[in-house]
Amino acid sequence: MTTIPQPIAAFFASSNRGEAAGVVACFTPTAILDDWGRHFEGHEGIASWDRTDNTGVRAHIEAVSSKAMGDTIVVTVKVSGNGFNGTGHMHFQLDGDKIARLDIK
């Protein structure tokens, strides 16, 4: 398993603690999040997604494996909570110490 970069680890930790402000702070102000074709942009969009699909449904995200693919870190996750439950893949692109893009597939 590739070492998970700090911005991604911080995103998982904030999510699992239910800290919505911490989740949003992990992203750049112009970040893009695509969750199975649903598109969210910027801090306002990330906060909206977080309320409906992440901390708002008490999601717990566990990294199962990760690998680097060019400028993308792909993390296989196991998710549980009051929303989606199961495994999936999160494709992260970073900009310094923040997440610039997250594609959930």
Protein backbone atom coordinates (compact mmCIF):
# COMPACT_ATOMS: atom_id res chain seq x y z
CA MET A 1 0.00 0.00 0.00
CA THR A 2 1.31 3.44 -0.95
CA THR A 3 1.63 5.81 1.99
CA ILE A 4 -1.49 7.96 2.12
CA PRO A 5 -0.53 11.64 1.81
CA GLN A 6 -1.38 13.94 4.72
CA PRO A 7 -4.25 15.84 3.01
CA ILE A 8 -6.04 12.55 2.29
CA ALA A 9 -5.38 11.19 5.79
CA ALA A 10 -6.73 14.48 7.23
CA PHE A 11 -9.86 14.15 5.07
CA PHE A 12 -10.49 10.61 6.35
CA ALA A 13 -9.83 11.64 9.97
CA SER A 14 -12.14 14.69 9.80
CA SER A 15 -14.83 12.60 8.11
CA ASN A 16 -14.64 9.88 10.71
CA ARG A 17 -14.83 12.40 13.57
CA GLY A 18 -17.87 14.04 11.96
CA GLU A 19 -16.07 17.37 11.60
CA ALA A 20 -17.70 19.03 8.61
CA ALA A 21 -15.52 22.16 8.75
CA GLY A 22 -12.42 19.97 8.86
CA VAL A 23 -13.57 18.03 5.80
CA VAL A 24 -14.07 21.22 3.78
CA ALA A 25 -10.73 22.62 4.96
CA CYS A 26 -8.94 19.66 3.35
CA PHE A 27 -9.91 20.95 -0.12
CA THR A 28 -8.67 23.87 -2.20
CA PRO A 29 -11.19 26.73 -2.62
CA THR A 30 -11.74 25.66 -6.25
CA ALA A 31 -11.76 21.90 -5.67
CA ILE A 32 -13.96 19.57 -7.68
CA LEU A 33 -15.68 16.52 -6.22
CA ASP A 34 -17.43 14.02 -8.47
CA ASP A 35 -19.41 11.35 -6.63
CA TRP A 36 -20.60 8.78 -9.18
CA GLY A 37 -21.42 11.53 -11.68
CA ARG A 38 -22.79 14.08 -9.20
CA HIS A 39 -20.59 17.15 -9.51
CA PHE A 40 -19.72 19.57 -6.67
CA GLU A 41 -17.41 22.59 -6.89
CA GLY A 42 -15.57 24.75 -4.37
CA HIS A 43 -15.96 24.85 -0.62
CA GLU A 44 -19.71 25.47 -0.88
CA GLY A 45 -20.19 22.42 -3.09
CA ILE A 46 -17.95 20.24 -0.94
CA ALA A 47 -19.91 21.33 2.16
CA SER A 48 -23.19 20.44 0.43
CA TRP A 49 -21.88 16.96 -0.48
CA ASP A 50 -20.53 16.51 3.04
CA ARG A 51 -23.94 17.27 4.58
CA THR A 52 -25.81 14.79 2.38
CA ASP A 53 -23.27 12.03 1.77
CA ASN A 54 -20.52 12.11 4.39
CA THR A 55 -20.57 13.58 7.90
CA GLY A 56 -24.30 14.26 7.56
CA VAL A 57 -24.91 10.51 7.34
CA ARG A 58 -22.18 9.60 9.84
CA ALA A 59 -20.01 7.95 7.22
CA HIS A 60 -16.92 6.13 8.41
CA ILE A 61 -14.21 5.72 5.78
CA GLU A 62 -11.50 3.07 6.12
CA ALA A 63 -8.61 2.92 3.67
CA VAL A 64 -8.13 -0.65 2.46
CA SER A 65 -5.34 -0.02 -0.07
CA SER A 66 -3.81 2.80 -2.06
CA LYS A 67 -1.61 3.28 -5.08
CA ALA A 68 -0.15 6.16 -7.03
CA MET A 69 -1.12 6.41 -10.69
CA GLY A 70 0.70 9.40 -12.16
CA ASP A 71 -0.56 12.49 -10.34
CA THR A 72 -3.52 10.60 -8.87
CA ILE A 73 -3.66 8.65 -5.62
CA VAL A 74 -6.27 5.89 -5.81
CA VAL A 75 -7.53 4.71 -2.44
CA THR A 76 -9.79 1.70 -2.13
CA VAL A 77 -12.10 2.39 0.79
CA LYS A 78 -14.64 0.60 2.90
CA VAL A 79 -17.49 2.92 3.87
CA SER A 80 -20.11 2.40 6.56
CA GLY A 81 -22.72 4.63 8.17
CA ASN A 82 -26.27 5.77 7.48
CA GLY A 83 -25.70 6.28 3.76
CA PHE A 84 -23.62 4.25 1.30
CA ASN A 85 -22.19 1.07 2.78
CA GLY A 86 -19.62 -0.93 0.88
CA THR A 87 -16.33 -0.60 -0.94
CA GLY A 88 -15.35 1.88 -3.59
CA HIS A 89 -12.47 3.84 -5.03
CA MET A 90 -11.54 7.43 -4.30
CA HIS A 91 -9.25 9.08 -6.87
CA PHE A 92 -7.46 12.09 -5.35
CA GLN A 93 -5.43 14.83 -7.02
CA LEU A 94 -3.54 17.14 -4.72
CA ASP A 95 -2.40 20.74 -4.92
CA GLY A 96 0.25 21.20 -2.24
CA ASP A 97 -1.29 20.33 1.11
CA LYS A 98 -4.92 20.34 -0.13
CA ILE A 99 -7.17 18.13 -2.23
CA ALA A 100 -7.81 19.70 -5.64
CA ARG A 101 -10.03 16.94 -7.02
CA LEU A 102 -11.79 13.87 -5.67
CA ASP A 103 -13.54 11.40 -7.96
CA ILE A 104 -15.55 8.72 -6.19
CA LYS A 105 -16.21 5.64 -8.32
